[in-house]
C-alpha atoms as a PDB file:
ATOM      1  CA  GLN A   1       0.000   0.000   0.000  1.00  0.00           C
ATOM      2  CA  CYS A   2       1.314   3.433  -0.995  1.00  0.00           C
ATOM      3  CA  ASP A   3       0.821   6.836   0.583  1.00  0.00           C
ATOM      4  CA  TRP A   4       0.298   9.068  -2.425  1.00  0.00           C
ATOM      5  CA  SER A   5       0.204  12.191  -0.223  1.00  0.00           C
ATOM      6  CA  SER A   6       3.897  11.702   0.522  1.00  0.00           C
ATOM      7  CA  ASP A   7       6.870  10.267  -1.360  1.00  0.00           C
ATOM      8  CA  VAL A   8       6.617   6.743   0.050  1.00  0.00           C
ATOM      9  CA  CYS A   9       6.240   5.110  -3.377  1.00  0.00           C
ATOM     10  CA  SER A  10       9.615   6.317  -4.587  1.00  0.00           C
ATOM     11  CA  SER A  11       9.837   3.830  -7.461  1.00  0.00           C
ATOM     12  CA  ASP A  12       6.651   5.288  -8.963  1.00  0.00           C
ATOM     13  CA  LEU A  13       7.574   8.975  -8.739  1.00  0.00           C
ATOM     14  CA  ARG A  14       7.150  11.222 -11.768  1.00  0.00           C
ATOM     15  CA  GLU A  15       9.322  14.311 -11.979  1.00  0.00           C
ATOM     16  CA  ILE A  16       7.676  17.352 -13.607  1.00  0.00           C
ATOM     17  CA  THR A  17       9.322  20.696 -14.369  1.00  0.00           C
ATOM     18  CA  LEU A  18       7.397  23.914 -14.927  1.00  0.00           C
ATOM     19  CA  ASN A  19       9.365  26.416 -16.999  1.00  0.00           C
ATOM     20  CA  GLY A  20       8.074  29.889 -17.649  1.00  0.00           C
ATOM     21  CA  VAL A  21       8.611  33.622 -17.885  1.00  0.00           C
ATOM     22  CA  PHE A  22       6.905  36.663 -16.412  1.00  0.00           C
ATOM     23  CA  LEU A  23       7.334  40.311 -17.354  1.00  0.00           C
ATOM     24  CA  THR A  24       5.851  42.941 -15.059  1.00  0.00           C
ATOM     25  CA  PRO A  25       4.613  46.370 -16.296  1.00  0.00           C
ATOM     26  CA  ASP A  26       7.435  47.973 -14.319  1.00  0.00           C
ATOM     27  CA  PRO A  27      10.699  46.471 -13.009  1.00  0.00           C
ATOM     28  CA  SER A  28       9.832  47.692  -9.506  1.00  0.00           C
ATOM     29  CA  LEU A  29       7.008  45.134  -9.428  1.00  0.00           C
ATOM     30  CA  VAL A  30       9.328  42.137  -9.864  1.00  0.00           C
ATOM     31  CA  PRO A  31       9.781  41.428  -6.114  1.00  0.00           C
ATOM     32  CA  ALA A  32       6.003  41.320  -5.571  1.00  0.00           C
ATOM     33  CA  ALA A  33       5.500  39.060  -8.601  1.00  0.00           C
ATOM     34  CA  ARG A  34       8.311  36.791  -7.431  1.00  0.00           C
ATOM     35  CA  SER A  35       6.757  36.572  -3.962  1.00  0.00           C
ATOM     36  CA  LYS A  36       3.353  35.706  -5.429  1.00  0.00           C
ATOM     37  CA  LEU A  37       4.860  32.945  -7.577  1.00  0.00           C
ATOM     38  CA  ILE A  38       6.598  31.424  -4.548  1.00  0.00           C
ATOM     39  CA  GLN A  39       3.405  31.595  -2.471  1.00  0.00           C
ATOM     40  CA  ASN A  40       1.376  29.894  -5.215  1.00  0.00           C
ATOM     41  CA  THR A  41       3.876  27.047  -5.542  1.00  0.00           C
ATOM     42  CA  ASP A  42       4.426  26.451  -1.828  1.00  0.00           C
ATOM     43  CA  LEU A  43       3.743  22.716  -2.046  1.00  0.00           C
ATOM     44  CA  VAL A  44       6.348  21.419   0.383  1.00  0.00           C
ATOM     45  CA  TYR A  45       4.070  19.957   3.062  1.00  0.00           C
ATOM     46  CA  VAL A  46       0.681  19.969   1.325  1.00  0.00           C
ATOM     47  CA  GLY A  47       0.366  19.123  -2.360  1.00  0.00           C
ATOM     48  CA  ASP A  48      -2.171  20.200  -4.942  1.00  0.00           C
ATOM     49  CA  TRP A  49      -3.583  19.079  -8.275  1.00  0.00           C
ATOM     50  CA  LEU A  50      -1.714  20.131 -11.404  1.00  0.00           C
ATOM     51  CA  LYS A  51      -4.182  20.240 -14.302  1.00  0.00           C
ATOM     52  CA  THR A  52      -3.163  20.082 -17.947  1.00  0.00           C
ATOM     53  CA  ASN A  53      -5.057  21.459 -20.933  1.00  0.00           C
ATOM     54  CA  GLU A  54      -5.921  18.170 -22.613  1.00  0.00           C
ATOM     55  CA  ASN A  55      -9.185  16.635 -23.771  1.00  0.00           C
ATOM     56  CA  PRO A  56     -10.333  15.548 -21.280  1.00  0.00           C
ATOM     57  CA  THR A  57      -8.556  17.699 -18.686  1.00  0.00           C
ATOM     58  CA  LYS A  58      -6.062  15.537 -16.791  1.00  0.00           C
ATOM     59  CA  ALA A  59      -4.594  16.116 -13.346  1.00  0.00           C
ATOM     60  CA  SER A  60      -1.678  14.883 -11.263  1.00  0.00           C
ATOM     61  CA  TYR A  61      -1.289  15.343  -7.510  1.00  0.00           C
ATOM     62  CA  VAL A  62       2.073  17.058  -7.040  1.00  0.00           C
ATOM     63  CA  ARG A  63       4.409  18.422  -4.390  1.00  0.00           C
ATOM     64  CA  LEU A  64       7.463  20.650  -4.663  1.00  0.00           C
ATOM     65  CA  SER A  65      10.619  18.623  -5.284  1.00  0.00           C
ATOM     66  CA  GLY A  66      13.190  21.307  -4.588  1.00  0.00           C
ATOM     67  CA  ARG A  67      13.950  24.994  -4.428  1.00  0.00           C
ATOM     68  CA  PRO A  68      12.428  27.000  -7.333  1.00  0.00           C
ATOM     69  CA  ASN A  69      14.913  28.682  -9.630  1.00  0.00           C
ATOM     70  CA  ILE A  70      13.736  32.273 -10.316  1.00  0.00           C
ATOM     71  CA  THR A  71      16.084  34.630 -12.167  1.00  0.00           C
ATOM     72  CA  THR A  72      15.567  38.171 -13.459  1.00  0.00           C
ATOM     73  CA  VAL A  73      17.493  38.306 -16.737  1.00  0.00           C
ATOM     74  CA  ASN A  74      17.320  41.941 -17.876  1.00  0.00           C
ATOM     75  CA  SER A  75      16.740  45.489 -16.665  1.00  0.00           C
ATOM     76  CA  ARG A  76      13.141  45.535 -17.888  1.00  0.00           C
ATOM     77  CA  GLY A  77      12.224  42.905 -15.323  1.00  0.00           C
ATOM     78  CA  ARG A  78      11.929  39.842 -17.534  1.00  0.00           C
ATOM     79  CA  THR A  79      12.109  36.929 -15.091  1.00  0.00           C
ATOM     80  CA  GLU A  80      12.525  33.273 -15.947  1.00  0.00           C
ATOM     81  CA  PHE A  81      11.586  30.463 -13.593  1.00  0.00           C
ATOM     82  CA  SER A  82      11.946  26.720 -13.309  1.00  0.00           C
ATOM     83  CA  ILE A  83       9.947  24.859 -10.682  1.00  0.00           C
ATOM     84  CA  GLY A  84      10.454  21.164  -9.995  1.00  0.00           C
ATOM     85  CA  LEU A  85       7.425  19.109  -8.969  1.00  0.00           C
ATOM     86  CA  ARG A  86       7.064  15.494  -7.929  1.00  0.00           C
ATOM     87  CA  ALA A  87       3.989  13.324  -8.536  1.00  0.00           C
ATOM     88  CA  PRO A  88       4.042  10.304  -6.156  1.00  0.00           C
ATOM     89  CA  ASP A  89       1.147   8.659  -8.014  1.00  0.00           C
ATOM     90  CA  PRO A  90       2.227   7.440 -11.474  1.00  0.00           C
ATOM     91  CA  LEU A  91      -1.295   7.891 -12.852  1.00  0.00           C
ATOM     92  CA  LYS A  92      -2.906  10.935 -14.436  1.00  0.00           C
ATOM     93  CA  TYR A  93      -6.617  11.341 -13.731  1.00  0.00           C
ATOM     94  CA  GLU A  94      -9.484  12.942 -15.581  1.00  0.00           C
ATOM     95  CA  TRP A  95     -10.524  16.151 -13.811  1.00  0.00           C
ATOM     96  CA  TYR A  96     -14.278  16.670 -14.190  1.00  0.00           C
ATOM     97  CA  ALA A  97     -15.024  20.408 -13.985  1.00  0.00           C
ATOM     98  CA  GLY A  98     -18.553  19.773 -12.735  1.00  0.00           C
ATOM     99  CA  ASP A  99     -17.270  18.608  -9.332  1.00  0.00           C
ATOM    100  CA  GLU A 100     -15.088  20.503  -6.855  1.00  0.00           C
ATOM    101  CA  LEU A 101     -12.786  17.503  -6.419  1.00  0.00           C
ATOM    102  CA  GLY A 102     -12.869  16.428 -10.060  1.00  0.00           C
ATOM    103  CA  TYR A 103     -14.952  13.267  -9.606  1.00  0.00           C
ATOM    104  CA  ARG A 104     -17.646  11.847 -11.820  1.00  0.00           C
ATOM    105  CA  SER A 105     -20.259   9.695 -10.109  1.00  0.00           C
ATOM    106  CA  VAL A 106     -22.812   6.955 -10.723  1.00  0.00           C
ATOM    107  CA  SER A 107     -25.615   6.210  -8.234  1.00  0.00           C
ATOM    108  CA  PHE A 108     -28.143   3.414  -7.814  1.00  0.00           C
ATOM    109  CA  THR A 109     -30.052   1.753  -4.989  1.00  0.00           C
ATOM    110  CA  ALA A 110     -29.797  -1.735  -3.535  1.00  0.00           C
ATOM    111  CA  SER A 111     -33.298  -2.442  -4.825  1.00  0.00           C
ATOM    112  CA  THR A 112     -32.253  -1.405  -8.357  1.00  0.00           C
ATOM    113  CA  GLY A 113     -29.191  -3.561  -7.916  1.00  0.00           C
ATOM    114  CA  THR A 114     -26.890  -2.580 -10.775  1.00  0.00           C
ATOM    115  CA  GLY A 115     -25.051   0.298 -12.434  1.00  0.00           C
ATOM    116  CA  THR A 116     -22.271   0.835 -14.974  1.00  0.00           C
ATOM    117  CA  VAL A 117     -19.158   2.970 -14.462  1.00  0.00           C
ATOM    118  CA  THR A 118     -16.979   3.803 -17.479  1.00  0.00           C
ATOM    119  CA  ASN A 119     -13.254   4.357 -17.109  1.00  0.00           C
ATOM    120  CA  THR A 120     -12.269   6.119 -20.347  1.00  0.00           C
ATOM    121  CA  GLY A 121      -8.555   5.856 -19.522  1.00  0.00           C
ATOM    122  CA  ASN A 122      -6.011   3.110 -20.184  1.00  0.00           C
ATOM    123  CA  ALA A 123      -5.161   2.204 -16.566  1.00  0.00           C
ATOM    124  CA  TYR A 124      -6.930   0.718 -13.560  1.00  0.00           C
ATOM    125  CA  ALA A 125      -8.451   3.437 -11.377  1.00  0.00           C
ATOM    126  CA  PRO A 126      -9.475   3.492  -7.684  1.00  0.00           C
ATOM    127  CA  VAL A 127     -12.943   4.531  -6.573  1.00  0.00           C
ATOM    128  CA  ILE A 128     -14.754   5.858  -3.522  1.00  0.00           C
ATOM    129  CA  LEU A 129     -17.852   3.831  -2.673  1.00  0.00           C
ATOM    130  CA  SER A 130     -20.346   5.899  -0.678  1.00  0.00           C
ATOM    131  CA  VAL A 131     -23.308   4.091   0.893  1.00  0.00           C
ATOM    132  CA  ASP A 132     -26.253   5.880   2.483  1.00  0.00           C
ATOM    133  CA  GLY A 133     -27.837   3.989   5.384  1.00  0.00           C
ATOM    134  CA  PRO A 134     -29.834   2.181   6.448  1.00  0.00           C
ATOM    135  CA  ILE A 135     -28.037  -1.101   5.812  1.00  0.00           C
ATOM    136  CA  VAL A 136     -29.139  -4.230   7.675  1.00  0.00           C
ATOM    137  CA  GLY A 137     -26.294  -6.311   6.316  1.00  0.00           C
ATOM    138  CA  PRO A 138     -24.443  -8.100   5.175  1.00  0.00           C
ATOM    139  CA  ALA A 139     -24.458  -5.971   2.027  1.00  0.00           C
ATOM    140  CA  THR A 140     -22.222  -6.658  -0.938  1.00  0.00           C
ATOM    141  CA  ILE A 141     -20.782  -4.353  -3.595  1.00  0.00           C
ATOM    142  CA  THR A 142     -19.349  -6.269  -6.542  1.00  0.00           C
ATOM    143  CA  ASN A 143     -17.447  -5.117  -9.581  1.00  0.00           C
ATOM    144  CA  VAL A 144     -18.676  -7.858 -11.883  1.00  0.00           C
ATOM    145  CA  THR A 145     -16.219  -6.855 -14.598  1.00  0.00           C
ATOM    146  CA  THR A 146     -13.162  -7.462 -12.402  1.00  0.00           C
ATOM    147  CA  ASN A 147     -14.818 -10.087 -10.176  1.00  0.00           C
ATOM    148  CA  GLU A 148     -13.974  -8.153  -7.005  1.00  0.00           C
ATOM    149  CA  ALA A 149     -16.339  -7.791  -4.046  1.00  0.00           C
ATOM    150  CA  ILE A 150     -16.555  -5.827  -0.814  1.00  0.00           C
ATOM    151  CA  THR A 151     -18.939  -6.942   1.919  1.00  0.00           C
ATOM    152  CA  ILE A 152     -20.318  -4.452   4.433  1.00  0.00           C
ATOM    153  CA  ILE A 153     -20.902  -6.344   7.646  1.00  0.00           C
ATOM    154  CA  GLY A 154     -23.373  -3.743   8.883  1.00  0.00           C
ATOM    155  CA  PRO A 155     -25.521  -2.477  10.267  1.00  0.00           C
ATOM    156  CA  VAL A 156     -25.410   1.155   9.085  1.00  0.00           C
ATOM    157  CA  ASP A 157     -28.098   3.394  10.537  1.00  0.00           C
ATOM    158  CA  GLY A 158     -30.391   5.558   8.463  1.00  0.00           C
ATOM    159  CA  GLY A 159     -28.839   8.967   7.894  1.00  0.00           C
ATOM    160  CA  ASP A 160     -25.290   7.614   8.247  1.00  0.00           C
ATOM    161  CA  ILE A 161     -22.871   7.575   5.302  1.00  0.00           C
ATOM    162  CA  LEU A 162     -20.299   4.810   4.962  1.00  0.00           C
ATOM    163  CA  GLN A 163     -17.428   5.466   2.558  1.00  0.00           C
ATOM    164  CA  ILE A 164     -14.881   2.983   1.243  1.00  0.00           C
ATOM    165  CA  ASP A 165     -11.774   4.392  -0.448  1.00  0.00           C
ATOM    166  CA  THR A 166     -10.211   1.655  -2.569  1.00  0.00           C
ATOM    167  CA  ARG A 167      -7.004   3.605  -3.191  1.00  0.00           C
ATOM    168  CA  ASP A 168      -6.101   4.240   0.443  1.00  0.00           C
ATOM    169  CA  HIS A 169      -7.854   1.070   1.724  1.00  0.00           C
ATOM    170  CA  GLU A 170      -9.768   3.264   4.157  1.00  0.00           C
ATOM    171  CA  VAL A 171     -13.274   2.955   5.604  1.00  0.00           C
ATOM    172  CA  SER A 172     -15.035   5.916   7.208  1.00  0.00           C
ATOM    173  CA  LEU A 173     -18.427   6.548   8.780  1.00  0.00           C
ATOM    174  CA  ASN A 174     -19.736  10.106   8.562  1.00  0.00           C
ATOM    175  CA  GLY A 175     -16.208  11.262   7.767  1.00  0.00           C
ATOM    176  CA  ASP A 176     -14.558   9.476  10.729  1.00  0.00           C
ATOM    177  CA  ALA A 177     -12.105   6.714   9.768  1.00  0.00           C
ATOM    178  CA  VAL A 178     -10.908   5.837  13.285  1.00  0.00           C
ATOM    179  CA  GLY A 179     -11.830   2.243  14.140  1.00  0.00           C
ATOM    180  CA  LYS A 180     -14.184   1.852  11.165  1.00  0.00           C
ATOM    181  CA  ARG A 181     -12.278  -0.797   9.215  1.00  0.00           C
ATOM    182  CA  ASN A 182     -14.270  -3.489  11.050  1.00  0.00           C
ATOM    183  CA  LEU A 183     -17.458  -2.381   9.276  1.00  0.00           C
ATOM    184  CA  VAL A 184     -16.148  -4.114   6.157  1.00  0.00           C
ATOM    185  CA  ASP A 185     -15.252  -7.796   5.841  1.00  0.00           C
ATOM    186  CA  VAL A 186     -11.588  -8.534   6.521  1.00  0.00           C
ATOM    187  CA  LEU A 187     -11.291 -10.257   3.121  1.00  0.00           C
ATOM    188  CA  ALA A 188     -12.580  -7.216   1.216  1.00  0.00           C
ATOM    189  CA  GLU A 189     -11.192  -6.828  -2.306  1.00  0.00           C
ATOM    190  CA  TRP A 190     -10.329  -3.166  -2.865  1.00  0.00           C
ATOM    191  CA  THR A 191     -11.819  -3.039  -6.308  1.00  0.00           C
ATOM    192  CA  LEU A 192     -10.389  -0.920  -9.102  1.00  0.00           C
ATOM    193  CA  LEU A 193     -12.017   0.190 -12.339  1.00  0.00           C
ATOM    194  CA  ALA A 194     -10.716  -1.652 -15.362  1.00  0.00           C
ATOM    195  CA  PRO A 195     -10.391   0.423 -18.541  1.00  0.00           C
ATOM    196  CA  GLY A 196     -13.801   0.535 -20.250  1.00  0.00           C
ATOM    197  CA  ASP A 197     -17.205  -0.329 -18.804  1.00  0.00           C
ATOM    198  CA  ASN A 198     -17.417  -1.761 -15.272  1.00  0.00           C
ATOM    199  CA  VAL A 199     -20.696  -3.315 -14.160  1.00  0.00           C
ATOM    200  CA  PHE A 200     -21.390  -3.003 -10.422  1.00  0.00           C
ATOM    201  CA  THR A 201     -24.023  -4.754  -8.323  1.00  0.00           C
ATOM    202  CA  PHE A 202     -25.222  -3.744  -4.859  1.00  0.00           C
ATOM    203  CA  SER A 203     -27.437  -5.787  -2.568  1.00  0.00           C
ATOM    204  CA  ASP A 204     -28.389  -5.939   1.109  1.00  0.00           C
ATOM    205  CA  ASP A 205     -29.021  -9.552   2.114  1.00  0.00           C
ATOM    206  CA  GLY A 206     -30.705  -8.390   5.298  1.00  0.00           C
ATOM    207  CA  ALA A 207     -33.171  -6.169   3.405  1.00  0.00           C
ATOM    208  CA  PRO A 208     -33.574  -7.227  -0.257  1.00  0.00           C
ATOM    209  CA  SER A 209     -35.927  -4.307  -1.008  1.00  0.00           C
ATOM    210  CA  SER A 210     -33.637  -1.774   0.684  1.00  0.00           C
ATOM    211  CA  SER A 211     -33.683   1.809  -0.580  1.00  0.00           C
ATOM    212  CA  SER A 212     -30.059   2.301   0.504  1.00  0.00           C
ATOM    213  CA  ASN A 213     -28.175   4.249  -2.141  1.00  0.00           C
ATOM    214  CA  LEU A 214     -24.685   3.538  -3.496  1.00  0.00           C
ATOM    215  CA  THR A 215     -22.730   6.348  -5.157  1.00  0.00           C
ATOM    216  CA  ILE A 216     -19.482   5.469  -6.932  1.00  0.00           C
ATOM    217  CA  TYR A 217     -17.097   8.417  -7.209  1.00  0.00           C
ATOM    218  CA  TYR A 218     -14.351   7.955  -9.780  1.00  0.00           C
ATOM    219  CA  ARG A 219     -11.791   9.578 -12.051  1.00  0.00           C
ATOM    220  CA  SER A 220     -10.712   7.832 -15.256  1.00  0.00           C
ATOM    221  CA  ALA A 221      -6.977   7.070 -15.173  1.00  0.00           C
ATOM    222  CA  TRP A 222      -4.100   7.078 -17.625  1.00  0.00           C
ATOM    223  CA  LEU A 223      -0.607   5.682 -17.448  1.00  0.00           C
ATOM    224  CA  GLY A 224       1.892   7.318 -19.748  1.00  0.00           C
END
């Protein structure tokens, strides 16, 4: 298991360099512009998403890899910069502009039983499975395409939200992940989206006609 928020997965790191130039209206404004650039790339302890102008828009989670190189090269204030970034996650993800965190989503109920999620990328992608209670349990979420299943032992009360993050292997209840791993079967398969269509099923054995809702949050993923 890798911690993509740090540099734990060193063998998977991608090095990215941003090169650019700025020219202020007056040379006296260079120090302020330089300060603003440094502030906006202060990604030492907390990273951010670097988005690229592709179709679709793709994003990489990056952190600063070293000291930025910022040099004023003439008396008019022309300043060149080179900023090194490091992406611990080797994948690039689609960034959906319709969501603050870039996710697309598919929702269906346990009584409906099935839904399809499409990964338009070329690599396997993690998901966040969000289940609205009530769940009697056991309830099972299966990616039929990859033959991977996660069983919620239950119960989950009405009004509660159980989330399963298949990238970080984390389970949370109403946003609290402390001590919540036991809500999911110990043999859970942390399903990933295969490239293309992925058919999911959702059922609550304890309440076959359950109105509990499953929302699958995902970003399509590319390698290379």
